[in-house]
């Protein structure tokens, strides 16, 4: 995607938060109080993240299907790069 830069991972990078749990579910809203017709699927994402002190915080948000696909692609690609980096150390 144009205009989006990937984070750079190197041996000096310091992790400040740790992903504890990742859940997602596909949903489809058909109507709401403010809109008669909602016919687009969405992905609800729920994250549990531990900060540097170990306190766990819940984060949740919704994305469109294309947003989730891009998010997942970037996340797995960065994880793969990090694993490759760790193999070099």
PDB file of N, CA and C in Angstrom:
ATOM      1  N   UNK A   1       0.845  -1.167   0.000  1.00  0.00           N
ATOM      2  CA  UNK A   1       0.000   0.000   0.000  1.00  0.00           C
ATOM      3  C   UNK A   1       0.894   1.234   0.000  1.00  0.00           C
ATOM      4  N   UNK A   2       0.609   2.177  -0.823  1.00  0.00           N
ATOM      5  CA  UNK A   2       1.427   3.357  -0.984  1.00  0.00           C
ATOM      6  C   UNK A   2       1.278   4.296   0.212  1.00  0.00           C
ATOM      7  N   UNK A   3       2.394   4.885   0.629  1.00  0.00           N
ATOM      8  CA  UNK A   3       2.355   5.853   1.707  1.00  0.00           C
ATOM      9  C   UNK A   3       2.432   5.247   3.098  1.00  0.00           C
ATOM     10  N   UNK A   4       2.436   3.916   3.201  1.00  0.00           N
ATOM     11  CA  UNK A   4       2.539   3.264   4.497  1.00  0.00           C
ATOM     12  C   UNK A   4       3.943   2.707   4.618  1.00  0.00           C
ATOM     13  N   UNK A   5       4.634   3.098   5.692  1.00  0.00           N
ATOM     14  CA  UNK A   5       6.001   2.629   5.891  1.00  0.00           C
ATOM     15  C   UNK A   5       6.017   1.548   6.953  1.00  0.00           C
ATOM     16  N   UNK A   6       6.813   0.514   6.702  1.00  0.00           N
ATOM     17  CA  UNK A   6       6.954  -0.564   7.668  1.00  0.00           C
ATOM     18  C   UNK A   6       7.906  -0.139   8.776  1.00  0.00           C
ATOM     19  N   UNK A   7       7.666  -0.574   9.999  1.00  0.00           N
ATOM     20  CA  UNK A   7       8.632  -0.300  11.051  1.00  0.00           C
ATOM     21  C   UNK A   7       9.920  -1.061  10.790  1.00  0.00           C
ATOM     22  N   UNK A   8      11.025  -0.473  11.145  1.00  0.00           N
ATOM     23  CA  UNK A   8      12.323  -1.096  10.940  1.00  0.00           C
ATOM     24  C   UNK A   8      12.676  -1.886  12.193  1.00  0.00           C
ATOM     25  N   UNK A   9      13.016  -3.151  12.016  1.00  0.00           N
ATOM     26  CA  UNK A   9      13.413  -3.991  13.130  1.00  0.00           C
ATOM     27  C   UNK A   9      14.909  -4.216  13.060  1.00  0.00           C
ATOM     28  N   UNK A  10      15.612  -3.932  14.132  1.00  0.00           N
ATOM     29  CA  UNK A  10      17.029  -4.227  14.202  1.00  0.00           C
ATOM     30  C   UNK A  10      17.364  -4.735  15.595  1.00  0.00           C
ATOM     31  N   UNK A  11      18.607  -5.114  15.801  1.00  0.00           N
ATOM     32  CA  UNK A  11      19.006  -5.705  17.074  1.00  0.00           C
ATOM     33  C   UNK A  11      18.896  -4.725  18.229  1.00  0.00           C
ATOM     34  N   UNK A  12      18.856  -3.428  17.961  1.00  0.00           N
ATOM     35  CA  UNK A  12      18.793  -2.421  19.012  1.00  0.00           C
ATOM     36  C   UNK A  12      17.354  -2.053  19.381  1.00  0.00           C
ATOM     37  N   UNK A  13      16.378  -2.551  18.644  1.00  0.00           N
ATOM     38  CA  UNK A  13      14.984  -2.230  18.930  1.00  0.00           C
ATOM     39  C   UNK A  13      14.592  -2.781  20.295  1.00  0.00           C
ATOM     40  N   UNK A  14      13.856  -1.996  21.051  1.00  0.00           N
ATOM     41  CA  UNK A  14      13.415  -2.417  22.374  1.00  0.00           C
ATOM     42  C   UNK A  14      11.901  -2.581  22.362  1.00  0.00           C
ATOM     43  N   UNK A  15      11.436  -3.731  22.817  1.00  0.00           N
ATOM     44  CA  UNK A  15      10.008  -4.000  22.879  1.00  0.00           C
ATOM     45  C   UNK A  15       9.469  -3.393  24.172  1.00  0.00           C
ATOM     46  N   UNK A  16       8.450  -2.560  24.056  1.00  0.00           N
ATOM     47  CA  UNK A  16       7.875  -1.939  25.240  1.00  0.00           C
ATOM     48  C   UNK A  16       6.549  -2.577  25.635  1.00  0.00           C
ATOM     49  N   UNK A  17       5.890  -3.235  24.705  1.00  0.00           N
ATOM     50  CA  UNK A  17       4.631  -3.928  24.984  1.00  0.00           C
ATOM     51  C   UNK A  17       4.710  -5.330  24.406  1.00  0.00           C
ATOM     52  N   UNK A  18       3.966  -6.245  25.010  1.00  0.00           N
ATOM     53  CA  UNK A  18       3.954  -7.618  24.525  1.00  0.00           C
ATOM     54  C   UNK A  18       2.522  -8.057  24.289  1.00  0.00           C
ATOM     55  N   UNK A  19       2.292  -8.617  23.115  1.00  0.00           N
ATOM     56  CA  UNK A  19       0.972  -9.137  22.786  1.00  0.00           C
ATOM     57  C   UNK A  19       0.745 -10.422  23.565  1.00  0.00           C
ATOM     58  N   UNK A  20      -0.321 -10.458  24.365  1.00  0.00           N
ATOM     59  CA  UNK A  20      -0.647 -11.619  25.188  1.00  0.00           C
ATOM     60  C   UNK A  20      -1.700 -12.475  24.496  1.00  0.00           C
ATOM     61  N   UNK A  21      -2.691 -11.826  23.888  1.00  0.00           N
ATOM     62  CA  UNK A  21      -3.778 -12.563  23.236  1.00  0.00           C
ATOM     63  C   UNK A  21      -4.305 -11.741  22.070  1.00  0.00           C
ATOM     64  N   UNK A  22      -4.679 -12.443  21.005  1.00  0.00           N
ATOM     65  CA  UNK A  22      -5.226 -11.811  19.804  1.00  0.00           C
ATOM     66  C   UNK A  22      -6.454 -12.601  19.398  1.00  0.00           C
ATOM     67  N   UNK A  23      -7.613 -11.952  19.375  1.00  0.00           N
ATOM     68  CA  UNK A  23      -8.843 -12.609  18.944  1.00  0.00           C
ATOM     69  C   UNK A  23      -9.531 -11.733  17.913  1.00  0.00           C
ATOM     70  N   UNK A  24     -10.207 -12.362  16.999  1.00  0.00           N
ATOM     71  CA  UNK A  24     -10.979 -11.599  16.024  1.00  0.00           C
ATOM     72  C   UNK A  24     -12.243 -12.373  15.692  1.00  0.00           C
ATOM     73  N   UNK A  25     -13.245 -11.625  15.268  1.00  0.00           N
ATOM     74  CA  UNK A  25     -14.468 -12.273  14.811  1.00  0.00           C
ATOM     75  C   UNK A  25     -15.062 -11.450  13.678  1.00  0.00           C
ATOM     76  N   UNK A  26     -15.655 -12.164  12.774  1.00  0.00           N
ATOM     77  CA  UNK A  26     -16.294 -11.547  11.613  1.00  0.00           C
ATOM     78  C   UNK A  26     -17.741 -11.244  11.968  1.00  0.00           C
ATOM     79  N   UNK A  27     -18.186 -10.066  11.637  1.00  0.00           N
ATOM     80  CA  UNK A  27     -19.559  -9.688  11.936  1.00  0.00           C
ATOM     81  C   UNK A  27     -20.223  -9.003  10.757  1.00  0.00           C
ATOM     82  N   UNK A  28     -21.536  -8.922  10.810  1.00  0.00           N
ATOM     83  CA  UNK A  28     -22.303  -8.246   9.780  1.00  0.00           C
ATOM     84  C   UNK A  28     -23.466  -7.546  10.451  1.00  0.00           C
ATOM     85  N   UNK A  29     -23.428  -6.240  10.440  1.00  0.00           N
ATOM     86  CA  UNK A  29     -24.537  -5.472  10.995  1.00  0.00           C
ATOM     87  C   UNK A  29     -25.538  -5.229   9.866  1.00  0.00           C
ATOM     88  N   UNK A  30     -26.799  -5.469  10.139  1.00  0.00           N
ATOM     89  CA  UNK A  30     -27.809  -5.275   9.095  1.00  0.00           C
ATOM     90  C   UNK A  30     -28.549  -3.957   9.251  1.00  0.00           C
ATOM     91  N   UNK A  31     -28.582  -3.400  10.474  1.00  0.00           N
ATOM     92  CA  UNK A  31     -29.199  -2.091  10.668  1.00  0.00           C
ATOM     93  C   UNK A  31     -28.776  -1.528  12.022  1.00  0.00           C
ATOM     94  N   UNK A  32     -29.014  -0.246  12.193  1.00  0.00           N
ATOM     95  CA  UNK A  32     -28.724   0.393  13.474  1.00  0.00           C
ATOM     96  C   UNK A  32     -29.743   1.503  13.706  1.00  0.00           C
ATOM     97  N   UNK A  33     -29.667   2.160  14.848  1.00  0.00           N
ATOM     98  CA  UNK A  33     -30.586   3.260  15.148  1.00  0.00           C
ATOM     99  C   UNK A  33     -30.436   4.407  14.150  1.00  0.00           C
ATOM    100  N   UNK A  34     -29.203   4.631  13.690  1.00  0.00           N
ATOM    101  CA  UNK A  34     -28.960   5.784  12.826  1.00  0.00           C
ATOM    102  C   UNK A  34     -28.894   5.450  11.340  1.00  0.00           C
ATOM    103  N   UNK A  35     -28.897   4.176  11.011  1.00  0.00           N
ATOM    104  CA  UNK A  35     -28.785   3.796   9.601  1.00  0.00           C
ATOM    105  C   UNK A  35     -29.696   2.606   9.336  1.00  0.00           C
ATOM    106  N   UNK A  36     -30.532   2.720   8.332  1.00  0.00           N
ATOM    107  CA  UNK A  36     -31.497   1.652   8.036  1.00  0.00           C
ATOM    108  C   UNK A  36     -30.860   0.398   7.455  1.00  0.00           C
ATOM    109  N   UNK A  37     -29.836   0.588   6.636  1.00  0.00           N
ATOM    110  CA  UNK A  37     -29.281  -0.557   5.939  1.00  0.00           C
ATOM    111  C   UNK A  37     -27.753  -0.567   6.019  1.00  0.00           C
ATOM    112  N   UNK A  38     -27.251  -1.492   6.781  1.00  0.00           N
ATOM    113  CA  UNK A  38     -25.805  -1.722   6.862  1.00  0.00           C
ATOM    114  C   UNK A  38     -25.569  -3.130   6.353  1.00  0.00           C
ATOM    115  N   UNK A  39     -24.933  -3.250   5.234  1.00  0.00           N
ATOM    116  CA  UNK A  39     -24.755  -4.580   4.654  1.00  0.00           C
ATOM    117  C   UNK A  39     -23.294  -4.910   4.407  1.00  0.00           C
ATOM    118  N   UNK A  40     -22.409  -4.298   5.172  1.00  0.00           N
ATOM    119  CA  UNK A  40     -20.990  -4.545   4.969  1.00  0.00           C
ATOM    120  C   UNK A  40     -20.422  -5.326   6.146  1.00  0.00           C
ATOM    121  N   UNK A  41     -19.680  -6.390   5.851  1.00  0.00           N
ATOM    122  CA  UNK A  41     -19.069  -7.148   6.947  1.00  0.00           C
ATOM    123  C   UNK A  41     -17.933  -6.344   7.583  1.00  0.00           C
ATOM    124  N   UNK A  42     -17.631  -6.673   8.815  1.00  0.00           N
ATOM    125  CA  UNK A  42     -16.532  -6.027   9.520  1.00  0.00           C
ATOM    126  C   UNK A  42     -15.818  -7.084  10.365  1.00  0.00           C
ATOM    127  N   UNK A  43     -14.629  -6.752  10.810  1.00  0.00           N
ATOM    128  CA  UNK A  43     -13.873  -7.626  11.696  1.00  0.00           C
ATOM    129  C   UNK A  43     -13.686  -6.897  13.018  1.00  0.00           C
ATOM    130  N   UNK A  44     -14.107  -7.519  14.099  1.00  0.00           N
ATOM    131  CA  UNK A  44     -13.884  -6.983  15.440  1.00  0.00           C
ATOM    132  C   UNK A  44     -12.614  -7.635  15.980  1.00  0.00           C
ATOM    133  N   UNK A  45     -11.657  -6.825  16.398  1.00  0.00           N
ATOM    134  CA  UNK A  45     -10.365  -7.307  16.894  1.00  0.00           C
ATOM    135  C   UNK A  45     -10.266  -6.987  18.383  1.00  0.00           C
ATOM    136  N   UNK A  46      -9.852  -7.980  19.155  1.00  0.00           N
ATOM    137  CA  UNK A  46      -9.647  -7.805  20.588  1.00  0.00           C
ATOM    138  C   UNK A  46      -8.212  -8.218  20.910  1.00  0.00           C
ATOM    139  N   UNK A  47      -7.454  -7.286  21.481  1.00  0.00           N
ATOM    140  CA  UNK A  47      -6.061  -7.551  21.838  1.00  0.00           C
ATOM    141  C   UNK A  47      -5.899  -7.454  23.351  1.00  0.00           C
ATOM    142  N   UNK A  48      -5.032  -8.291  23.894  1.00  0.00           N
ATOM    143  CA  UNK A  48      -4.571  -8.150  25.272  1.00  0.00           C
ATOM    144  C   UNK A  48      -3.088  -7.875  25.177  1.00  0.00           C
ATOM    145  N   UNK A  49      -2.673  -6.740  25.741  1.00  0.00           N
ATOM    146  CA  UNK A  49      -1.288  -6.304  25.633  1.00  0.00           C
ATOM    147  C   UNK A  49      -0.736  -6.065  27.038  1.00  0.00           C
ATOM    148  N   UNK A  50       0.457  -6.611  27.322  1.00  0.00           N
ATOM    149  CA  UNK A  50       1.124  -6.381  28.601  1.00  0.00           C
ATOM    150  C   UNK A  50       2.138  -5.263  28.413  1.00  0.00           C
ATOM    151  N   UNK A  51       2.076  -4.244  29.276  1.00  0.00           N
ATOM    152  CA  UNK A  51       3.054  -3.158  29.184  1.00  0.00           C
ATOM    153  C   UNK A  51       4.334  -3.565  29.908  1.00  0.00           C
ATOM    154  N   UNK A  52       5.319  -2.674  29.947  1.00  0.00           N
ATOM    155  CA  UNK A  52       6.630  -2.999  30.521  1.00  0.00           C
ATOM    156  C   UNK A  52       6.560  -3.400  31.995  1.00  0.00           C
ATOM    157  N   UNK A  53       5.508  -2.984  32.707  1.00  0.00           N
ATOM    158  CA  UNK A  53       5.364  -3.351  34.122  1.00  0.00           C
ATOM    159  C   UNK A  53       4.603  -4.671  34.298  1.00  0.00           C
ATOM    160  N   UNK A  54       4.078  -5.223  33.210  1.00  0.00           N
ATOM    161  CA  UNK A  54       3.332  -6.478  33.269  1.00  0.00           C
ATOM    162  C   UNK A  54       1.829  -6.291  33.362  1.00  0.00           C
ATOM    163  N   UNK A  55       1.378  -5.046  33.459  1.00  0.00           N
ATOM    164  CA  UNK A  55      -0.067  -4.785  33.524  1.00  0.00           C
ATOM    165  C   UNK A  55      -0.694  -5.078  32.166  1.00  0.00           C
ATOM    166  N   UNK A  56      -1.780  -5.839  32.174  1.00  0.00           N
ATOM    167  CA  UNK A  56      -2.449  -6.220  30.926  1.00  0.00           C
ATOM    168  C   UNK A  56      -3.579  -5.252  30.639  1.00  0.00           C
ATOM    169  N   UNK A  57      -3.578  -4.759  29.408  1.00  0.00           N
ATOM    170  CA  UNK A  57      -4.632  -3.848  28.965  1.00  0.00           C
ATOM    171  C   UNK A  57      -5.349  -4.470  27.781  1.00  0.00           C
ATOM    172  N   UNK A  58      -6.661  -4.284  27.741  1.00  0.00           N
ATOM    173  CA  UNK A  58      -7.475  -4.771  26.629  1.00  0.00           C
ATOM    174  C   UNK A  58      -7.670  -3.640  25.629  1.00  0.00           C
ATOM    175  N   UNK A  59      -7.483  -3.953  24.370  1.00  0.00           N
ATOM    176  CA  UNK A  59      -7.713  -3.008  23.288  1.00  0.00           C
ATOM    177  C   UNK A  59      -8.655  -3.667  22.300  1.00  0.00           C
ATOM    178  N   UNK A  60      -9.644  -2.933  21.840  1.00  0.00           N
ATOM    179  CA  UNK A  60     -10.554  -3.490  20.834  1.00  0.00           C
ATOM    180  C   UNK A  60     -10.887  -2.429  19.808  1.00  0.00           C
ATOM    181  N   UNK A  61     -11.087  -2.886  18.581  1.00  0.00           N
ATOM    182  CA  UNK A  61     -11.422  -1.995  17.481  1.00  0.00           C
ATOM    183  C   UNK A  61     -12.040  -2.807  16.357  1.00  0.00           C
ATOM    184  N   UNK A  62     -12.661  -2.111  15.421  1.00  0.00           N
ATOM    185  CA  UNK A  62     -13.286  -2.756  14.266  1.00  0.00           C
ATOM    186  C   UNK A  62     -12.619  -2.265  12.993  1.00  0.00           C
ATOM    187  N   UNK A  63     -12.570  -3.153  12.014  1.00  0.00           N
ATOM    188  CA  UNK A  63     -11.969  -2.838  10.719  1.00  0.00           C
ATOM    189  C   UNK A  63     -12.825  -3.422   9.606  1.00  0.00           C
ATOM    190  N   UNK A  64     -12.667  -2.853   8.430  1.00  0.00           N
ATOM    191  CA  UNK A  64     -13.274  -3.454   7.252  1.00  0.00           C
ATOM    192  C   UNK A  64     -12.458  -4.692   6.882  1.00  0.00           C
ATOM    193  N   UNK A  65     -12.988  -5.530   6.032  1.00  0.00           N
ATOM    194  CA  UNK A  65     -12.266  -6.736   5.598  1.00  0.00           C
ATOM    195  C   UNK A  65     -10.930  -6.364   4.946  1.00  0.00           C
ATOM    196  N   UNK A  66     -10.882  -5.404   3.993  1.00  0.00           N
ATOM    197  CA  UNK A  66      -9.587  -5.040   3.397  1.00  0.00           C
ATOM    198  C   UNK A  66      -8.593  -4.489   4.425  1.00  0.00           C
ATOM    199  N   UNK A  67      -9.060  -3.717   5.408  1.00  0.00           N
ATOM    200  CA  UNK A  67      -8.173  -3.212   6.459  1.00  0.00           C
ATOM    201  C   UNK A  67      -7.585  -4.362   7.272  1.00  0.00           C
ATOM    202  N   UNK A  68      -8.419  -5.339   7.611  1.00  0.00           N
ATOM    203  CA  UNK A  68      -7.948  -6.481   8.392  1.00  0.00           C
ATOM    204  C   UNK A  68      -6.940  -7.300   7.598  1.00  0.00           C
ATOM    205  N   UNK A  69      -7.202  -7.508   6.312  1.00  0.00           N
ATOM    206  CA  UNK A  69      -6.271  -8.261   5.480  1.00  0.00           C
ATOM    207  C   UNK A  69      -4.906  -7.573   5.448  1.00  0.00           C
ATOM    208  N   UNK A  70      -4.893  -6.247   5.307  1.00  0.00           N
ATOM    209  CA  UNK A  70      -3.640  -5.495   5.288  1.00  0.00           C
ATOM    210  C   UNK A  70      -2.964  -5.572   6.657  1.00  0.00           C
ATOM    211  N   UNK A  71      -3.716  -5.398   7.731  1.00  0.00           N
ATOM    212  CA  UNK A  71      -3.201  -5.484   9.099  1.00  0.00           C
ATOM    213  C   UNK A  71      -2.564  -6.843   9.342  1.00  0.00           C
ATOM    214  N   UNK A  72      -3.249  -7.912   8.944  1.00  0.00           N
ATOM    215  CA  UNK A  72      -2.750  -9.265   9.157  1.00  0.00           C
ATOM    216  C   UNK A  72      -1.494  -9.520   8.333  1.00  0.00           C
ATOM    217  N   UNK A  73      -1.487  -9.058   7.092  1.00  0.00           N
ATOM    218  CA  UNK A  73      -0.330  -9.221   6.214  1.00  0.00           C
ATOM    219  C   UNK A  73       0.898  -8.539   6.796  1.00  0.00           C
ATOM    220  N   UNK A  74       0.749  -7.289   7.230  1.00  0.00           N
ATOM    221  CA  UNK A  74       1.863  -6.543   7.804  1.00  0.00           C
ATOM    222  C   UNK A  74       2.317  -7.189   9.107  1.00  0.00           C
ATOM    223  N   UNK A  75       1.385  -7.607   9.955  1.00  0.00           N
ATOM    224  CA  UNK A  75       1.721  -8.219  11.248  1.00  0.00           C
ATOM    225  C   UNK A  75       2.516  -9.507  11.066  1.00  0.00           C
ATOM    226  N   UNK A  76       2.055 -10.376  10.176  1.00  0.00           N
ATOM    227  CA  UNK A  76       2.752 -11.641   9.982  1.00  0.00           C
ATOM    228  C   UNK A  76       4.088 -11.429   9.291  1.00  0.00           C
ATOM    229  N   UNK A  77       4.170 -10.452   8.394  1.00  0.00           N
ATOM    230  CA  UNK A  77       5.430 -10.162   7.718  1.00  0.00           C
ATOM    231  C   UNK A  77       6.460  -9.633   8.716  1.00  0.00           C
ATOM    232  N   UNK A  78       6.046  -8.748   9.622  1.00  0.00           N
ATOM    233  CA  UNK A  78       6.963  -8.223  10.633  1.00  0.00           C
ATOM    234  C   UNK A  78       7.394  -9.316  11.603  1.00  0.00           C
ATOM    235  N   UNK A  79       6.492 -10.227  11.937  1.00  0.00           N
ATOM    236  CA  UNK A  79       6.845 -11.344  12.814  1.00  0.00           C
ATOM    237  C   UNK A  79       7.883 -12.231  12.137  1.00  0.00           C
ATOM    238  N   UNK A  80       7.704 -12.481  10.857  1.00  0.00           N
ATOM    239  CA  UNK A  80       8.660 -13.301  10.106  1.00  0.00           C
ATOM    240  C   UNK A  80      10.027 -12.632  10.089  1.00  0.00           C
ATOM    241  N   UNK A  81      10.057 -11.309   9.871  1.00  0.00           N
ATOM    242  CA  UNK A  81      11.332 -10.574   9.843  1.00  0.00           C
ATOM    243  C   UNK A  81      12.018 -10.612  11.205  1.00  0.00           C
ATOM    244  N   UNK A  82      11.230 -10.499  12.285  1.00  0.00           N
ATOM    245  CA  UNK A  82      11.798 -10.548  13.612  1.00  0.00           C
ATOM    246  C   UNK A  82      12.403 -11.918  13.896  1.00  0.00           C
ATOM    247  N   UNK A  83      11.717 -12.994  13.503  1.00  0.00           N
ATOM    248  CA  UNK A  83      12.250 -14.333  13.696  1.00  0.00           C
ATOM    249  C   UNK A  83      13.540 -14.536  12.915  1.00  0.00           C
ATOM    250  N   UNK A  84      13.604 -14.010  11.697  1.00  0.00           N
ATOM    251  CA  UNK A  84      14.821 -14.095  10.904  1.00  0.00           C
ATOM    252  C   UNK A  84      15.957 -13.338  11.582  1.00  0.00           C
ATOM    253  N   UNK A  85      15.649 -12.182  12.133  1.00  0.00           N
ATOM    254  CA  UNK A  85      16.645 -11.375  12.833  1.00  0.00           C
ATOM    255  C   UNK A  85      17.174 -12.117  14.056  1.00  0.00           C
ATOM    256  N   UNK A  86      16.284 -12.753  14.811  1.00  0.00           N
ATOM    257  CA  UNK A  86      16.690 -13.486  16.005  1.00  0.00           C
ATOM    258  C   UNK A  86      17.567 -14.684  15.662  1.00  0.00           C
ATOM    259  N   UNK A  87      17.346 -15.299  14.518  1.00  0.00           N
ATOM    260  CA  UNK A  87      18.169 -16.432  14.094  1.00  0.00           C
ATOM    261  C   UNK A  87      19.596 -15.988  13.821  1.00  0.00           C
ATOM    262  N   UNK A  88      19.787 -14.718  13.433  1.00  0.00           N
ATOM    263  CA  UNK A  88      21.128 -14.199  13.140  1.00  0.00           C
ATOM    264  C   UNK A  88      21.915 -13.891  14.405  1.00  0.00           C
ATOM    265  N   UNK A  89      21.232 -13.713  15.518  1.00  0.00           N
ATOM    266  CA  UNK A  89      21.923 -13.350  16.782  1.00  0.00           C
ATOM    267  C   UNK A  89      22.491 -14.552  17.472  1.00  0.00           C
TER     268      UNK A  89
END
